[in-house]
């Protein structure tokens, strides 16, 4: 009888010790908010690791673990063109996406895509973030809560079977275009633009649906496209793309003031510049990968200002600005400010 009581006591005491040990191992405070962050870059890519995961880790740390961030890379939560709307409808809480994937919603923001404005990702991030901070494009984001803006580095031309040295070499080529703006640029040069989000470019090129793509060097590495396109034409200043990291407004507004302050501290120019720098570094990685594989890289002297390329690009720029002006938008005022920022922002 005594031994049974002793055994029961030991079991109960052991359970108490185990519970105490487990309690000591538990985190000091559980997350109060979990943000679902969706984007379309692969989970193994540099942007996922060095921008979005880095941002998530920094927010979690700064909040003392009160904000957790669940990342959904590779368009696993929603397809690339639908990610902005996914945040609006709260399918996702945060996204990193390309404004031009949602056609005609961000026409003033997409002015940054026009030729000759952006030198690299850091430079473009400074320009685009400042356009937002100045209030010139702010109204385009009234249905979400933007965190920071940036661009990728220079977009180039990458082809499967044809070396491109002049606009004449583009005649009839089916080239992936990311947005309507870049599509108009490619069309002005004689190519046949095909609308495709970045994640769909590899299978389209592999099947021969397209002959090449307009992409930055970063994407050639991130989406493994150097495996398929051995010819590359660098037209410096040809185009870039506007990106935004933004979150659902209701989710943001429901946060307590101290957690809003954490997100504010991880928004704006500092994170815009960080993202731009990451993309610049990844451009170097993608280009080096192509060179190591023995690919042909043609660099156009003077870039977008080259006499063979400039007339068509200038015409496409003027056509875009004129179209926005006819729709009542202050396109030329925003373009003028973007050019002034391009002169003052450090590359």
Protein backbone atom coordinates (compact mmCIF):
# COMPACT_ATOMS: atom_id res chain seq x y z
CA UNK A 1 0.00 0.00 0.00
CA UNK A 2 2.82 2.35 0.96
CA UNK A 3 4.72 1.44 -2.19
CA UNK A 4 1.62 2.16 -4.33
CA UNK A 5 1.25 5.61 -2.73
CA UNK A 6 4.95 6.29 -3.23
CA UNK A 7 4.67 5.24 -6.87
CA UNK A 8 1.66 7.51 -7.42
CA UNK A 9 3.48 10.39 -5.75
CA UNK A 10 6.53 9.90 -7.95
CA UNK A 11 4.41 9.80 -11.08
CA UNK A 12 2.54 12.95 -10.12
CA UNK A 13 5.75 14.72 -9.08
CA UNK A 14 7.41 13.67 -12.34
CA UNK A 15 4.49 15.05 -14.32
CA UNK A 16 4.77 18.35 -12.46
CA UNK A 17 8.51 18.53 -13.12
CA UNK A 18 7.94 17.77 -16.83
CA UNK A 19 5.24 20.44 -17.04
CA UNK A 20 7.55 22.94 -15.38
CA UNK A 21 10.36 22.10 -17.78
CA UNK A 22 8.08 22.44 -20.81
CA UNK A 23 6.79 25.76 -19.52
CA UNK A 24 10.36 26.96 -19.19
CA UNK A 25 11.08 25.96 -22.78
CA UNK A 26 8.03 27.79 -24.17
CA UNK A 27 8.58 31.25 -25.70
CA UNK A 28 8.21 34.16 -23.33
CA UNK A 29 5.34 35.54 -25.39
CA UNK A 30 3.35 34.00 -28.24
CA UNK A 31 2.69 35.97 -31.41
CA UNK A 32 -0.34 38.22 -31.18
CA UNK A 33 -0.52 38.76 -34.94
CA UNK A 34 0.43 36.45 -37.79
CA UNK A 35 0.88 38.09 -41.19
CA UNK A 36 0.57 35.94 -44.31
CA UNK A 37 3.10 37.34 -46.79
CA UNK A 38 2.64 36.18 -50.41
CA UNK A 39 5.01 36.73 -53.31
CA UNK A 40 5.93 35.01 -56.59
CA UNK A 41 9.71 34.55 -56.35
CA UNK A 42 10.92 30.99 -55.72
CA UNK A 43 11.69 29.99 -52.14
CA UNK A 44 15.34 29.40 -53.11
CA UNK A 45 15.75 32.82 -54.73
CA UNK A 46 17.73 35.78 -53.46
CA UNK A 47 14.74 38.15 -53.23
CA UNK A 48 12.89 35.67 -51.00
CA UNK A 49 15.87 35.16 -48.74
CA UNK A 50 17.49 38.59 -48.66
CA UNK A 51 14.49 40.92 -48.86
CA UNK A 52 11.24 39.27 -47.79
CA UNK A 53 12.57 36.76 -45.25
CA UNK A 54 14.95 39.40 -43.94
CA UNK A 55 12.06 41.84 -43.51
CA UNK A 56 9.93 39.18 -41.79
CA UNK A 57 12.74 38.28 -39.38
CA UNK A 58 13.43 41.93 -38.58
CA UNK A 59 9.76 42.65 -37.86
CA UNK A 60 9.43 39.60 -35.63
CA UNK A 61 12.56 40.52 -33.70
CA UNK A 62 11.65 44.19 -33.33
CA UNK A 63 8.18 43.25 -32.05
CA UNK A 64 9.60 40.89 -29.44
CA UNK A 65 7.89 37.99 -31.17
CA UNK A 66 4.46 39.61 -31.04
CA UNK A 67 4.30 39.76 -34.87
CA UNK A 68 4.91 36.52 -36.74
CA UNK A 69 5.24 36.46 -40.53
CA UNK A 70 4.38 33.40 -42.60
CA UNK A 71 5.94 33.58 -46.06
CA UNK A 72 4.22 32.05 -49.10
CA UNK A 73 6.79 32.22 -51.95
CA UNK A 74 6.46 30.91 -55.49
CA UNK A 75 2.86 32.16 -55.96
CA UNK A 76 1.68 29.31 -53.71
CA UNK A 77 -1.02 31.35 -52.03
CA UNK A 78 -2.23 33.11 -55.16
CA UNK A 79 -0.97 33.59 -58.73
CA UNK A 80 1.42 36.44 -59.44
CA UNK A 81 -1.00 38.79 -61.26
CA UNK A 82 -3.61 38.40 -58.49
CA UNK A 83 -1.42 39.17 -55.49
CA UNK A 84 -2.36 42.82 -55.05
CA UNK A 85 -6.04 41.92 -55.09
CA UNK A 86 -5.32 39.07 -52.68
CA UNK A 87 -4.16 41.65 -50.16
CA UNK A 88 -7.19 43.85 -50.81
CA UNK A 89 -9.53 40.90 -50.17
CA UNK A 90 -7.39 39.63 -47.24
CA UNK A 91 -6.55 36.31 -48.80
CA UNK A 92 -3.04 37.50 -47.97
CA UNK A 93 -2.09 40.11 -45.40
CA UNK A 94 1.09 41.34 -47.13
CA UNK A 95 2.47 41.01 -50.64
CA UNK A 96 5.48 41.97 -52.71
CA UNK A 97 4.31 42.42 -56.26
CA UNK A 98 4.75 44.24 -59.55
CA UNK A 99 2.32 47.10 -60.05
CA UNK A 100 2.19 46.50 -63.79
CA UNK A 101 0.80 43.00 -63.24
CA UNK A 102 -2.48 44.76 -62.46
CA UNK A 103 -3.00 46.64 -65.71
CA UNK A 104 -4.16 50.28 -65.61
CA UNK A 105 -4.35 50.44 -61.81
CA UNK A 106 -0.99 52.15 -61.23
CA UNK A 107 -0.37 54.21 -64.38
CA UNK A 108 1.54 57.02 -62.65
CA UNK A 109 3.69 54.60 -60.68
CA UNK A 110 4.60 52.86 -63.93
CA UNK A 111 6.17 56.04 -65.27
CA UNK A 112 9.31 54.77 -63.57
CA UNK A 113 9.35 51.95 -66.16
CA UNK A 114 10.04 54.36 -69.01
CA UNK A 115 13.45 54.37 -70.73
CA UNK A 116 16.38 56.37 -69.45
CA UNK A 117 15.17 57.02 -65.89
CA UNK A 118 16.60 54.27 -63.72
CA UNK A 119 20.28 53.29 -63.57
CA UNK A 120 20.02 50.40 -61.09
CA UNK A 121 17.81 49.02 -58.33
CA UNK A 122 19.06 51.33 -55.57
CA UNK A 123 18.56 54.34 -57.87
CA UNK A 124 15.07 53.23 -58.91
CA UNK A 125 14.04 52.55 -55.30
CA UNK A 126 14.99 56.10 -54.36
CA UNK A 127 12.97 57.53 -57.25
CA UNK A 128 9.82 55.47 -56.73
CA UNK A 129 9.76 55.74 -52.94
CA UNK A 130 10.17 59.51 -53.22
CA UNK A 131 7.32 59.77 -55.73
CA UNK A 132 5.11 58.09 -53.14
CA UNK A 133 6.45 60.12 -50.21
CA UNK A 134 5.87 63.31 -52.22
CA UNK A 135 2.22 62.30 -52.63
CA UNK A 136 2.39 62.15 -56.43
CA UNK A 137 1.34 58.49 -56.71
CA UNK A 138 -0.19 58.00 -53.26
CA UNK A 139 -3.79 57.90 -54.44
CA UNK A 140 -3.08 54.77 -56.49
CA UNK A 141 -2.62 52.83 -53.23
CA UNK A 142 -5.63 54.10 -51.28
CA UNK A 143 -7.05 50.57 -50.94
CA UNK A 144 -3.97 49.07 -49.19
CA UNK A 145 -1.28 50.19 -46.73
CA UNK A 146 2.07 50.43 -48.58
CA UNK A 147 5.23 49.60 -46.65
CA UNK A 148 7.97 50.34 -49.17
CA UNK A 149 8.63 50.70 -52.90
CA UNK A 150 11.55 49.68 -55.09
CA UNK A 151 12.52 48.64 -58.61
CA UNK A 152 14.68 45.96 -60.10
CA UNK A 153 17.81 46.92 -61.98
CA UNK A 154 17.98 47.49 -65.75
CA UNK A 155 15.82 45.21 -67.85
CA UNK A 156 17.55 43.56 -70.79
CA UNK A 157 16.70 41.29 -73.72
CA UNK A 158 17.42 37.56 -73.56
CA UNK A 159 16.87 35.25 -76.55
CA UNK A 160 17.01 31.57 -77.38
CA UNK A 161 18.29 31.46 -80.96
CA UNK A 162 19.02 34.94 -82.29
CA UNK A 163 21.69 37.47 -81.33
CA UNK A 164 20.14 40.95 -81.07
CA UNK A 165 22.40 43.88 -81.93
CA UNK A 166 19.96 46.33 -83.52
CA UNK A 167 16.20 46.91 -83.36
CA UNK A 168 15.98 45.25 -86.79
CA UNK A 169 17.09 41.99 -85.16
CA UNK A 170 13.94 42.05 -83.01
CA UNK A 171 11.59 41.92 -85.98
CA UNK A 172 9.01 39.21 -85.43
CA UNK A 173 10.54 37.88 -82.20
CA UNK A 174 7.98 36.80 -79.60
CA UNK A 175 9.33 38.31 -76.41
CA UNK A 176 7.89 37.97 -72.94
CA UNK A 177 6.83 41.32 -71.62
CA UNK A 178 5.99 41.92 -67.95
CA UNK A 179 3.66 44.92 -68.30
CA UNK A 180 1.72 46.95 -70.85
CA UNK A 181 4.31 49.73 -70.67
CA UNK A 182 7.24 47.46 -71.51
CA UNK A 183 5.09 45.76 -74.12
CA UNK A 184 4.65 49.07 -75.93
CA UNK A 185 8.41 49.62 -75.81
CA UNK A 186 9.10 46.21 -77.31
CA UNK A 187 6.46 46.70 -79.97
CA UNK A 188 7.98 50.06 -80.93
CA UNK A 189 11.24 48.21 -81.55
CA UNK A 190 9.60 45.64 -83.84
CA UNK A 191 9.15 42.72 -81.45
CA UNK A 192 5.92 40.86 -80.74
CA UNK A 193 5.31 41.17 -76.99
CA UNK A 194 3.67 38.27 -75.13
CA UNK A 195 2.21 38.99 -71.69
CA UNK A 196 3.62 36.62 -69.08
CA UNK A 197 4.36 36.92 -65.35
CA UNK A 198 7.91 35.94 -64.44
CA UNK A 199 7.05 32.47 -63.01
CA UNK A 200 5.46 31.42 -66.32
CA UNK A 201 8.38 32.47 -68.51
CA UNK A 202 10.50 29.32 -68.15
CA UNK A 203 7.86 26.84 -69.36
CA UNK A 204 6.82 29.20 -72.16
CA UNK A 205 10.39 29.52 -73.40
CA UNK A 206 11.05 25.81 -72.94
CA UNK A 207 8.04 24.93 -75.12
CA UNK A 208 8.96 27.49 -77.77
CA UNK A 209 5.89 29.66 -77.12
CA UNK A 210 8.23 32.64 -76.88
CA UNK A 211 11.62 33.36 -78.47
CA UNK A 212 12.98 35.32 -75.55
CA UNK A 213 12.18 37.65 -72.70
CA UNK A 214 12.65 41.12 -71.31
CA UNK A 215 14.02 40.63 -67.81
CA UNK A 216 16.72 41.92 -65.46
CA UNK A 217 19.76 39.75 -64.80
CA UNK A 218 18.39 38.96 -61.34
CA UNK A 219 15.40 37.16 -62.84
CA UNK A 220 17.60 35.18 -65.22
CA UNK A 221 19.09 33.57 -62.14
CA UNK A 222 16.03 33.52 -59.86
CA UNK A 223 13.84 31.82 -62.47
CA UNK A 224 16.62 29.68 -64.01
CA UNK A 225 16.21 31.28 -67.42
CA UNK A 226 19.94 31.28 -68.11
CA UNK A 227 19.38 27.58 -68.77
CA UNK A 228 17.32 28.40 -71.85
CA UNK A 229 18.48 31.74 -73.26
CA UNK A 230 22.18 31.88 -74.27
CA UNK A 231 22.00 35.30 -76.00
CA UNK A 232 21.70 38.54 -74.04
CA UNK A 233 21.45 42.15 -75.17
CA UNK A 234 22.07 44.92 -72.64
CA UNK A 235 20.40 48.18 -73.63
CA UNK A 236 21.22 50.30 -70.59
CA UNK A 237 18.17 52.20 -69.40
CA UNK A 238 15.75 50.26 -71.60
CA UNK A 239 13.22 49.82 -68.79
CA UNK A 240 12.76 48.82 -65.18
CA UNK A 241 9.76 47.66 -63.15
CA UNK A 242 8.02 49.18 -60.16
CA UNK A 243 7.54 46.95 -57.10
CA UNK A 244 5.57 47.51 -53.92
CA UNK A 245 5.46 45.71 -50.58
CA UNK A 246 2.04 46.48 -49.18
CA UNK A 247 -0.44 45.14 -46.64
CA UNK A 248 -4.15 44.93 -46.02
CA UNK A 249 -5.39 48.22 -44.56
CA UNK A 250 -7.84 46.62 -42.12
CA UNK A 251 -5.11 44.36 -40.75
CA UNK A 252 -2.82 47.35 -40.24
CA UNK A 253 -5.52 49.53 -38.71
CA UNK A 254 -6.46 46.80 -36.20
CA UNK A 255 -2.94 46.72 -34.75
CA UNK A 256 -2.17 48.42 -31.43
CA UNK A 257 -0.10 51.62 -31.73
CA UNK A 258 3.17 50.00 -30.65
CA UNK A 259 2.94 47.29 -33.32
CA UNK A 260 2.02 49.88 -35.95
CA UNK A 261 5.20 51.66 -34.91
CA UNK A 262 7.21 48.48 -35.56
CA UNK A 263 5.87 48.28 -39.11
CA UNK A 264 6.48 51.99 -39.66
CA UNK A 265 10.08 51.48 -38.59
CA UNK A 266 10.36 48.74 -41.22
CA UNK A 267 8.85 50.79 -44.02
CA UNK A 268 9.88 53.64 -46.26
CA UNK A 269 13.20 54.72 -47.72
CA UNK A 270 15.53 52.53 -45.65
CA UNK A 271 13.87 49.28 -46.70
CA UNK A 272 13.36 50.56 -50.24
CA UNK A 273 17.11 51.11 -50.53
CA UNK A 274 17.88 47.72 -48.96
CA UNK A 275 15.66 45.98 -51.52
CA UNK A 276 17.22 47.91 -54.38
CA UNK A 277 20.72 46.99 -53.23
CA UNK A 278 19.76 43.30 -53.00
CA UNK A 279 18.45 43.31 -56.57
CA UNK A 280 21.61 45.03 -57.76
CA UNK A 281 23.71 42.31 -56.16
CA UNK A 282 21.56 39.62 -57.74
CA UNK A 283 21.96 41.26 -61.15
CA UNK A 284 25.69 40.66 -60.82
CA UNK A 285 25.07 37.03 -59.86
CA UNK A 286 22.77 36.42 -62.86
CA UNK A 287 25.16 38.06 -65.31
CA UNK A 288 28.18 36.19 -63.97
CA UNK A 289 26.25 32.94 -64.28
CA UNK A 290 25.63 33.61 -67.99
CA UNK A 291 29.25 34.53 -68.63
CA UNK A 292 30.49 31.44 -66.81
CA UNK A 293 28.24 29.34 -69.06
CA UNK A 294 29.87 30.87 -72.14
CA UNK A 295 26.84 32.88 -73.24
CA UNK A 296 26.96 35.75 -75.72
CA UNK A 297 26.41 39.16 -74.11
CA UNK A 298 26.00 42.17 -76.40
CA UNK A 299 26.21 45.60 -74.74
CA UNK A 300 24.71 48.43 -76.79
CA UNK A 301 26.92 51.51 -76.72
CA UNK A 302 25.04 54.40 -75.14
CA UNK A 303 22.16 52.16 -74.10
CA UNK A 304 18.72 53.71 -74.60
CA UNK A 305 20.41 56.83 -75.99
CA UNK A 306 21.99 54.90 -78.85
CA UNK A 307 20.84 56.53 -82.14
CA UNK A 308 19.52 53.22 -83.46
CA UNK A 309 17.31 52.67 -80.40
CA UNK A 310 16.46 56.13 -79.09
CA UNK A 311 13.84 57.31 -81.66
CA UNK A 312 11.52 54.34 -81.09
CA UNK A 313 11.95 54.52 -77.30
CA UNK A 314 11.28 58.27 -77.24
CA UNK A 315 8.16 57.74 -79.32
CA UNK A 316 6.89 55.06 -76.94
CA UNK A 317 7.58 57.31 -73.94
CA UNK A 318 5.71 60.24 -75.46
CA UNK A 319 2.79 58.00 -76.44
CA UNK A 320 2.46 56.68 -72.89
CA UNK A 321 2.56 60.12 -71.28
CA UNK A 322 0.12 61.53 -73.84
CA UNK A 323 -2.33 58.69 -73.20
CA UNK A 324 -2.29 59.34 -69.45
CA UNK A 325 -2.76 63.07 -69.98
CA UNK A 326 -5.82 62.43 -72.16
CA UNK A 327 -7.23 60.44 -69.23
CA UNK A 328 -6.83 63.45 -66.96
CA UNK A 329 -3.73 62.24 -65.14
CA UNK A 330 -0.75 64.56 -64.42
CA UNK A 331 1.66 62.30 -66.26
CA UNK A 332 4.14 64.90 -67.45
CA UNK A 333 4.34 66.51 -64.02
CA UNK A 334 5.11 63.13 -62.45
CA UNK A 335 7.59 62.34 -65.23
CA UNK A 336 9.34 65.67 -64.68
CA UNK A 337 9.61 64.95 -60.95
CA UNK A 338 10.90 61.44 -61.68
CA UNK A 339 13.61 62.93 -63.94
CA UNK A 340 14.57 65.42 -61.22
CA UNK A 341 14.79 62.58 -58.70
CA UNK A 342 16.86 60.55 -61.17
CA UNK A 343 19.36 63.41 -61.16
CA UNK A 344 19.42 63.76 -57.37
CA UNK A 345 19.16 60.12 -56.23
CA UNK A 346 22.48 58.35 -55.82
CA UNK A 347 22.94 55.24 -58.05
